[in-house]
Amino acid sequence: MATFEVKTKRSMNVQGDYVDAGLSVQISSMFSNPFDEVDKIHKAFLRVHGIDLKPEGYLSLGYLEYRMV
């Protein structure tokens, strides 16, 4: 199982809150691409930072980047 760090590529406005570039979470995945389990990324940002990226459409590689830790 691999551990990934997923972070924001750029600053954005999420439901009225300013989110700076580089805000990150860590998730574990059985896949080589953590975006195969995008729900884990969504839940991690909610749990760690209280930010819901899903309604704004920010749960994609256009807004987020990842690397294996």
C-alpha atoms as a PDB file:
ATOM      1  CA  MET A   1       0.000   0.000   0.000  1.00  0.00           C
ATOM      2  CA  ALA A   2       1.425   3.367  -1.036  1.00  0.00           C
ATOM      3  CA  THR A   3       1.127   6.653   0.827  1.00  0.00           C
ATOM      4  CA  PHE A   4       0.545   9.808  -1.182  1.00  0.00           C
ATOM      5  CA  GLU A   5       0.682  13.484  -0.366  1.00  0.00           C
ATOM      6  CA  VAL A   6      -2.043  15.371  -2.223  1.00  0.00           C
ATOM      7  CA  LYS A   7      -1.792  19.168  -2.264  1.00  0.00           C
ATOM      8  CA  THR A   8      -3.389  22.162  -3.908  1.00  0.00           C
ATOM      9  CA  LYS A   9      -1.572  23.491  -6.985  1.00  0.00           C
ATOM     10  CA  ARG A  10      -2.774  27.095  -6.681  1.00  0.00           C
ATOM     11  CA  SER A  11      -4.698  29.409  -4.419  1.00  0.00           C
ATOM     12  CA  MET A  12      -8.475  29.093  -4.671  1.00  0.00           C
ATOM     13  CA  ASN A  13     -11.705  30.231  -3.077  1.00  0.00           C
ATOM     14  CA  VAL A  14     -13.681  27.313  -1.624  1.00  0.00           C
ATOM     15  CA  GLN A  15     -17.183  28.253  -0.446  1.00  0.00           C
ATOM     16  CA  GLY A  16     -15.997  31.690   0.649  1.00  0.00           C
ATOM     17  CA  ASP A  17     -12.808  30.447   2.329  1.00  0.00           C
ATOM     18  CA  TYR A  18      -9.375  31.269   0.915  1.00  0.00           C
ATOM     19  CA  VAL A  19      -7.238  28.158   0.379  1.00  0.00           C
ATOM     20  CA  ASP A  20      -3.549  28.750  -0.277  1.00  0.00           C
ATOM     21  CA  ALA A  21      -1.457  26.734  -2.711  1.00  0.00           C
ATOM     22  CA  GLY A  22       0.390  23.864  -1.061  1.00  0.00           C
ATOM     23  CA  LEU A  23      -2.312  22.853   1.448  1.00  0.00           C
ATOM     24  CA  SER A  24      -1.888  19.089   1.736  1.00  0.00           C
ATOM     25  CA  VAL A  25      -3.237  15.819   3.116  1.00  0.00           C
ATOM     26  CA  GLN A  26      -1.858  12.280   3.111  1.00  0.00           C
ATOM     27  CA  ILE A  27      -3.788   9.208   2.008  1.00  0.00           C
ATOM     28  CA  SER A  28      -3.004   5.524   1.532  1.00  0.00           C
ATOM     29  CA  SER A  29      -4.050   3.713  -1.629  1.00  0.00           C
ATOM     30  CA  MET A  30      -3.680   0.321  -3.253  1.00  0.00           C
ATOM     31  CA  PHE A  31      -3.579   2.069  -6.643  1.00  0.00           C
ATOM     32  CA  SER A  32      -0.628   3.800  -8.296  1.00  0.00           C
ATOM     33  CA  ASN A  33      -2.776   6.891  -8.875  1.00  0.00           C
ATOM     34  CA  PRO A  34      -4.618   8.201  -5.775  1.00  0.00           C
ATOM     35  CA  PHE A  35      -7.254   9.829  -8.000  1.00  0.00           C
ATOM     36  CA  ASP A  36      -8.612   6.323  -8.617  1.00  0.00           C
ATOM     37  CA  GLU A  37     -10.007   6.767  -5.086  1.00  0.00           C
ATOM     38  CA  VAL A  38     -11.020  10.416  -5.247  1.00  0.00           C
ATOM     39  CA  ASP A  39     -13.486   9.915  -2.363  1.00  0.00           C
ATOM     40  CA  LYS A  40     -10.532   9.278  -0.010  1.00  0.00           C
ATOM     41  CA  ILE A  41      -9.014  12.614  -1.043  1.00  0.00           C
ATOM     42  CA  HIS A  42     -12.355  14.343  -0.499  1.00  0.00           C
ATOM     43  CA  LYS A  43     -12.768  12.843   2.981  1.00  0.00           C
ATOM     44  CA  ALA A  44      -9.160  13.637   3.952  1.00  0.00           C
ATOM     45  CA  PHE A  45      -9.512  17.343   3.118  1.00  0.00           C
ATOM     46  CA  LEU A  46     -12.799  17.438   5.054  1.00  0.00           C
ATOM     47  CA  ARG A  47     -11.343  15.652   8.083  1.00  0.00           C
ATOM     48  CA  VAL A  48      -7.994  17.444   8.275  1.00  0.00           C
ATOM     49  CA  HIS A  49      -8.812  20.966   7.071  1.00  0.00           C
ATOM     50  CA  GLY A  50     -12.630  21.156   7.091  1.00  0.00           C
ATOM     51  CA  ILE A  51     -12.645  22.026   3.386  1.00  0.00           C
ATOM     52  CA  ASP A  52     -15.188  20.496   1.005  1.00  0.00           C
ATOM     53  CA  LEU A  53     -13.596  20.522  -2.455  1.00  0.00           C
ATOM     54  CA  LYS A  54     -16.275  18.364  -4.099  1.00  0.00           C
ATOM     55  CA  PRO A  55     -19.114  20.888  -4.720  1.00  0.00           C
ATOM     56  CA  GLU A  56     -16.681  23.390  -6.237  1.00  0.00           C
ATOM     57  CA  GLY A  57     -15.275  20.783  -8.658  1.00  0.00           C
ATOM     58  CA  TYR A  58     -11.715  21.055  -7.284  1.00  0.00           C
ATOM     59  CA  LEU A  59     -11.139  17.292  -6.910  1.00  0.00           C
ATOM     60  CA  SER A  60      -9.126  16.906 -10.109  1.00  0.00           C
ATOM     61  CA  LEU A  61      -5.559  17.018 -11.340  1.00  0.00           C
ATOM     62  CA  GLY A  62      -6.246  20.518 -12.658  1.00  0.00           C
ATOM     63  CA  TYR A  63      -6.355  21.826  -9.080  1.00  0.00           C
ATOM     64  CA  LEU A  64      -4.494  19.165  -7.082  1.00  0.00           C
ATOM     65  CA  GLU A  65      -1.184  17.375  -7.467  1.00  0.00           C
ATOM     66  CA  TYR A  66       0.244  14.303  -5.764  1.00  0.00           C
ATOM     67  CA  ARG A  67       3.491  12.576  -5.006  1.00  0.00           C
ATOM     68  CA  MET A  68       4.367   9.302  -3.345  1.00  0.00           C
ATOM     69  CA  VAL A  69       5.749   9.757   0.165  1.00  0.00           C
END
